Amino acid sequence: MNIVCIIQARMGATRFPNKVLSDIEGKPMLVHQIERLFNSKLIDWVVVATSTSKNDDKIKDLCAENHFACFRGSEDDVLNRYFETAKLYCADVIVRVTGDCPLICPEVTDKVIQHYLDNRKEYDYVSNTIKPTYPDGLCTDVFSYRALVQSNNNATTKLEREHVIPYMKNHPEMFKIGSVENAVDFSQLRWTVDYERDLEFVRAIYKKLYKPNNYFGFKEILKLLEEQPELMNINRGIERDEGYYKELKKLKN
């Protein structure tokens, strides 16, 4: 099976524009994320899916400079961008991650993929976000190409087109959904980058743990935070999926 990890990334994030190219220990944030995903044992392709907007030329150039796979599609219709990327790369299985997760852990991502592969006759879509137990920033969605085609053909709302996954979650009569959960609940931890404070936190983690060609993962980060819990104060108090829920509320109103 051809397993394609698609990273959605753009320069024009509302809360923190240009964050994906923010410097962390001498490299753009997006480069760190891609290189971490290269450590996956199950992913065949890692592809950056950005938009055709001129603002995202820098992402295309970054990928070209580093010989990363890149696809450009609709700026607002991210669901269709995923579909076109998956079609081009002949994906059987799609792994969805967002470009603001520079601490993404390939072991955790592989755990979600493996759960899907072991149960693909039972599930169309598997995620570790159904019941969050992992830190925000390790979020991984895995689904079949068929499920993506169905979603792309049928999703109509702005939220469903912009966020890829809501159509699957909103239609359990069409899609069988599986949840991957950690034995210990770490969902209160925030490792994603939506704000300057988040970037400051990630930079602090990299400063402590990063060395070129020396990968550090989920367990190493947890150990560091256990030894230096004050690091968590840097971005404490931001609600998980805050931006998503704000947008959902706005659309409902």
Foldseek 3Di string as FASTA:
>chain_A
DAEEEEAEDFQPFPQHGNQQQDDFPRGGLLVLQVVQLVPAPPHDAYEYEYAPDPRRVVVVVVCVVVVHHYHYHHHQQVLVSVLVVCVVVVHFKYKYDYSFQSQAHNVLQNVQVVVCVVQVVQFQKEWQVPPPQAAARNTMIMGGSVVSVVLVVDDDDSLCRRPVCPVQVVCCVVTRYHHDHDPGRPHQHHQGDSHPLNVVLVSVLCVPDPDPPDDDHDVVSVVVCVVVVVSRVSDPDDDRVNVSVVVVVVVVD
